[in-house]
Amino acid sequence: MLIFSGSADAQSGTTGDATRGAQAFRACAACHSVVPGEHMTGPSLANAWNHKAGSAEGFTRYSDAMKRLDAKWDERTLDKWLAGPERFLPGTTMTFPGIKDPKARRDVIAYLKAVAEGKAPAAPEAGGGMMGMARQKTDLKSAPPAGQVRSIRHCGDTYTVETADGRTEKMWEFNLRFKTDSSKLGPRPGQPIAVGAGMQGDRASIVFASPKEISTAIAESCP
């Protein structure tokens, strides 16, 4: 049974496919979630369809150009935006080069419409990571022992990270990042989580519930 008929392109009259659009959306998933209220580098796109641009509730990082834009995200506007954000809106901070294939743009538009209507295929996920955690936005409170940080020691140019599974990992200081996640998916206070990154498995981030925890969690200690 067909549960979604797609969205017609405003100029060509052809129809996008939400299932193909879910796959094409992988190019967007590193910066955008389709979960309501889950903002990443960019705002959640869960309710973008047919809403005013620059109006996602709770997102505070819009560029001045986007704040001034008087437009609604419909087929025509989204097609122009996806073709080239900088051409469509000079001054945008979105560095995405655009989707050149008109068919792929129509598919992404169909997917975003389906998301807003609750008829979308499963949301795509980003790639895998290291230290027991995945790179996609996930509930850090449910991290396995391999991702639960017990101690962080710093000596010279090296961080030594101990996790709840009893393992320790030495990392070059330049390859370890410290981040915060205050969202409902973030770690519990005082319980930082290690999240892997890097194609070679040589990089990671440690995510804290708030900035004040970072300095107190790191001990200067050399053998």
Protein backbone atom coordinates (compact mmCIF):
# COMPACT_ATOMS: atom_id res chain seq x y z
CA MET A 1 0.00 0.00 0.00
CA LEU A 2 1.32 3.43 -0.90
CA ILE A 3 1.52 5.51 2.27
CA PHE A 4 3.18 8.57 0.77
CA SER A 5 2.72 9.95 -2.70
CA GLY A 6 5.72 12.28 -2.64
CA SER A 7 5.92 16.00 -3.38
CA ALA A 8 5.52 17.52 -6.81
CA ASP A 9 8.28 19.79 -8.01
CA ALA A 10 6.95 23.31 -8.44
CA GLN A 11 8.46 23.71 -11.87
CA SER A 12 8.70 20.28 -13.50
CA GLY A 13 5.61 18.59 -12.05
CA THR A 14 7.57 15.39 -11.36
CA THR A 15 7.34 13.61 -8.03
CA GLY A 16 9.98 12.96 -5.41
CA ASP A 17 10.32 9.65 -3.59
CA ALA A 18 10.59 9.73 0.21
CA THR A 19 12.41 6.40 0.45
CA ARG A 20 15.12 7.52 -1.95
CA GLY A 21 15.10 10.86 -0.15
CA ALA A 22 15.91 9.15 3.16
CA GLN A 23 19.07 7.78 1.57
CA ALA A 24 19.98 11.11 -0.05
CA PHE A 25 19.46 12.78 3.33
CA ARG A 26 22.64 11.03 4.53
CA ALA A 27 24.49 14.01 3.07
CA CYS A 28 22.61 16.19 5.56
CA ALA A 29 22.56 13.88 8.59
CA ALA A 30 25.98 14.93 9.88
CA CYS A 31 24.56 18.37 10.71
CA HIS A 32 20.78 17.90 10.90
CA SER A 33 18.49 15.57 12.81
CA VAL A 34 14.88 14.77 11.95
CA VAL A 35 14.03 14.18 15.62
CA PRO A 36 11.85 17.01 17.01
CA GLY A 37 13.90 19.40 19.16
CA GLU A 38 17.20 17.59 18.55
CA HIS A 39 19.48 20.34 17.26
CA MET A 40 22.99 19.59 16.04
CA THR A 41 25.30 21.86 14.03
CA GLY A 42 22.12 22.91 12.28
CA PRO A 43 18.52 22.93 13.49
CA SER A 44 16.25 19.90 13.66
CA LEU A 45 14.40 19.50 10.37
CA ALA A 46 11.55 17.50 11.90
CA ASN A 47 9.06 20.31 11.33
CA ALA A 48 10.80 22.31 8.61
CA TRP A 49 8.26 21.48 5.91
CA ASN A 50 5.82 24.33 5.25
CA HIS A 51 7.19 26.36 8.18
CA LYS A 52 8.89 29.74 8.11
CA ALA A 53 12.63 29.63 7.54
CA GLY A 54 14.74 30.32 10.62
CA SER A 55 11.99 29.43 13.08
CA ALA A 56 12.94 26.05 14.61
CA GLU A 57 12.05 26.29 18.28
CA GLY A 58 15.06 26.17 20.59
CA PHE A 59 17.71 26.69 17.90
CA THR A 60 19.80 29.80 18.59
CA ARG A 61 22.59 29.65 15.97
CA TYR A 62 20.85 31.03 12.89
CA SER A 63 22.87 33.43 10.77
CA ASP A 64 21.66 37.02 10.50
CA ALA A 65 20.84 36.34 6.85
CA MET A 66 18.57 33.43 7.81
CA LYS A 67 16.90 35.47 10.53
CA ARG A 68 16.04 38.13 7.95
CA LEU A 69 14.77 35.66 5.35
CA ASP A 70 11.02 35.96 4.82
CA ALA A 71 10.25 32.60 3.25
CA LYS A 72 8.47 29.33 3.92
CA TRP A 73 10.05 25.93 3.27
CA ASP A 74 7.84 24.65 0.46
CA GLU A 75 8.80 22.78 -2.74
CA ARG A 76 10.00 25.82 -4.63
CA THR A 77 11.99 27.37 -1.78
CA LEU A 78 13.57 24.09 -0.68
CA ASP A 79 14.57 23.25 -4.25
CA LYS A 80 16.43 26.56 -4.61
CA TRP A 81 18.01 26.21 -1.16
CA LEU A 82 19.19 22.64 -1.71
CA ALA A 83 20.60 23.51 -5.13
CA GLY A 84 23.00 26.02 -3.55
CA PRO A 85 22.49 27.58 -0.10
CA GLU A 86 25.05 30.35 -0.63
CA ARG A 87 23.56 31.35 -3.99
CA PHE A 88 20.05 31.31 -2.57
CA LEU A 89 20.95 33.19 0.62
CA PRO A 90 24.23 35.14 0.58
CA GLY A 91 25.58 35.40 4.11
CA THR A 92 24.35 32.00 5.25
CA THR A 93 26.75 30.12 7.53
CA MET A 94 25.73 26.78 6.01
CA THR A 95 28.77 25.54 4.09
CA PHE A 96 26.97 22.74 2.23
CA PRO A 97 27.80 22.96 -1.51
CA GLY A 98 24.33 21.88 -2.60
CA ILE A 99 22.71 18.95 -4.39
CA LYS A 100 23.21 19.31 -8.13
CA ASP A 101 20.83 16.56 -9.26
CA PRO A 102 17.23 17.90 -9.48
CA LYS A 103 15.82 14.40 -8.95
CA ALA A 104 17.80 13.96 -5.73
CA ARG A 105 16.57 17.35 -4.51
CA ARG A 106 12.97 16.35 -5.15
CA ASP A 107 13.55 13.12 -3.23
CA VAL A 108 14.96 14.98 -0.22
CA ILE A 109 12.01 17.38 -0.31
CA ALA A 110 9.61 14.42 -0.38
CA TYR A 111 11.43 12.94 2.61
CA LEU A 112 11.23 16.17 4.64
CA LYS A 113 7.53 16.43 3.86
CA ALA A 114 7.02 12.82 4.93
CA VAL A 115 8.95 13.48 8.16
CA ALA A 116 6.64 16.38 9.04
CA GLU A 117 3.58 14.23 8.30
CA GLY A 118 4.84 11.27 10.33
CA LYS A 119 5.07 9.04 7.25
CA ALA A 120 8.82 8.94 6.70
CA PRO A 121 11.10 5.89 6.35
CA ALA A 122 13.54 5.28 9.21
CA ALA A 123 15.95 8.16 9.70
CA PRO A 124 19.45 7.48 8.31
CA GLU A 125 22.38 7.16 10.70
CA ALA A 126 25.93 8.40 10.47
CA GLY A 127 28.98 6.11 10.43
CA GLY A 128 30.52 4.11 13.29
CA GLY A 129 33.09 5.14 15.86
CA MET A 130 35.45 3.76 18.52
CA MET A 131 35.57 3.16 22.29
CA GLY A 132 32.24 1.35 22.23
CA MET A 133 30.14 4.27 20.98
CA ALA A 134 28.78 5.33 17.58
CA ARG A 135 29.20 8.73 15.96
CA GLN A 136 25.52 9.35 15.41
CA LYS A 137 23.59 11.41 17.93
CA THR A 138 22.45 8.90 20.49
CA ASP A 139 21.44 8.75 24.13
CA LEU A 140 24.77 9.08 25.94
CA LYS A 141 23.15 8.03 29.21
CA SER A 142 22.91 4.53 27.77
CA ALA A 143 26.60 4.29 26.87
CA PRO A 144 28.20 0.86 27.39
CA PRO A 145 31.03 0.46 29.93
CA ALA A 146 33.59 0.90 27.11
CA GLY A 147 32.34 4.48 26.71
CA GLN A 148 31.91 5.44 30.38
CA VAL A 149 34.91 7.53 31.46
CA ARG A 150 36.24 6.85 34.94
CA SER A 151 39.37 9.00 34.92
CA ILE A 152 41.44 11.28 32.68
CA ARG A 153 45.13 11.85 33.29
CA HIS A 154 47.36 14.26 31.38
CA CYS A 155 51.14 14.05 31.07
CA GLY A 156 53.24 15.86 28.49
CA ASP A 157 51.42 15.51 25.19
CA THR A 158 49.36 12.48 26.22
CA TYR A 159 45.95 11.87 27.78
CA THR A 160 45.32 8.54 29.46
CA VAL A 161 41.62 7.70 29.57
CA GLU A 162 40.28 4.94 31.81
CA THR A 163 36.83 3.53 31.08
CA ALA A 164 34.39 1.50 33.14
CA ASP A 165 35.30 -1.76 31.41
CA GLY A 166 38.73 -1.57 33.06
CA ARG A 167 40.63 -0.51 29.95
CA THR A 168 42.95 2.46 29.55
CA GLU A 169 43.80 4.19 26.29
CA LYS A 170 46.62 6.64 25.66
CA MET A 171 45.89 9.38 23.15
CA TRP A 172 47.89 12.22 21.68
CA GLU A 173 46.42 15.40 23.18
CA PHE A 174 45.75 16.91 19.74
CA ASN A 175 43.46 13.98 18.88
CA LEU A 176 41.25 14.20 21.96
CA ARG A 177 38.47 16.78 22.10
CA PHE A 178 36.40 17.86 25.07
CA LYS A 179 32.76 18.71 24.40
CA THR A 180 29.51 19.37 26.25
CA ASP A 181 25.99 18.14 25.58
CA SER A 182 23.28 19.76 27.67
CA SER A 183 20.43 18.13 25.73
CA LYS A 184 18.23 15.33 27.02
CA LEU A 185 20.54 12.93 25.17
CA GLY A 186 23.64 14.21 26.94
CA PRO A 187 25.53 12.43 29.72
CA ARG A 188 24.52 12.56 33.35
CA PRO A 189 26.32 15.15 35.51
CA GLY A 190 29.69 13.85 36.60
CA GLN A 191 29.57 10.90 34.19
CA PRO A 192 31.42 11.89 30.99
CA ILE A 193 31.23 9.67 27.94
CA ALA A 194 33.91 8.86 25.34
CA VAL A 195 32.78 8.96 21.72
CA GLY A 196 35.03 7.71 18.93
CA ALA A 197 35.94 9.55 15.74
CA GLY A 198 38.46 9.38 12.93
CA MET A 199 38.85 6.98 10.03
CA GLN A 200 41.91 5.35 11.66
CA GLY A 201 40.32 5.00 15.08
CA ASP A 202 42.90 7.40 16.49
CA ARG A 203 40.61 10.23 17.62
CA ALA A 204 37.89 10.63 20.20
CA SER A 205 35.79 13.15 22.07
CA ILE A 206 34.88 13.14 25.73
CA VAL A 207 31.45 14.61 26.31
CA PHE A 208 30.51 16.27 29.60
CA ALA A 209 27.16 17.45 30.93
CA SER A 210 28.46 21.01 31.46
CA PRO A 211 31.65 23.07 30.86
CA LYS A 212 32.48 23.35 34.56
CA GLU A 213 33.14 19.60 34.72
CA ILE A 214 35.96 19.60 32.17
CA SER A 215 38.85 21.07 34.14
CA THR A 216 38.00 19.24 37.35
CA ALA A 217 37.93 15.89 35.54
CA ILE A 218 41.50 16.13 34.22
CA ALA A 219 44.34 15.25 36.58
CA GLU A 220 47.93 16.26 35.83
CA SER A 221 49.72 13.03 36.62
CA CYS A 222 52.94 11.56 35.24
CA PRO A 223 54.27 8.11 36.19
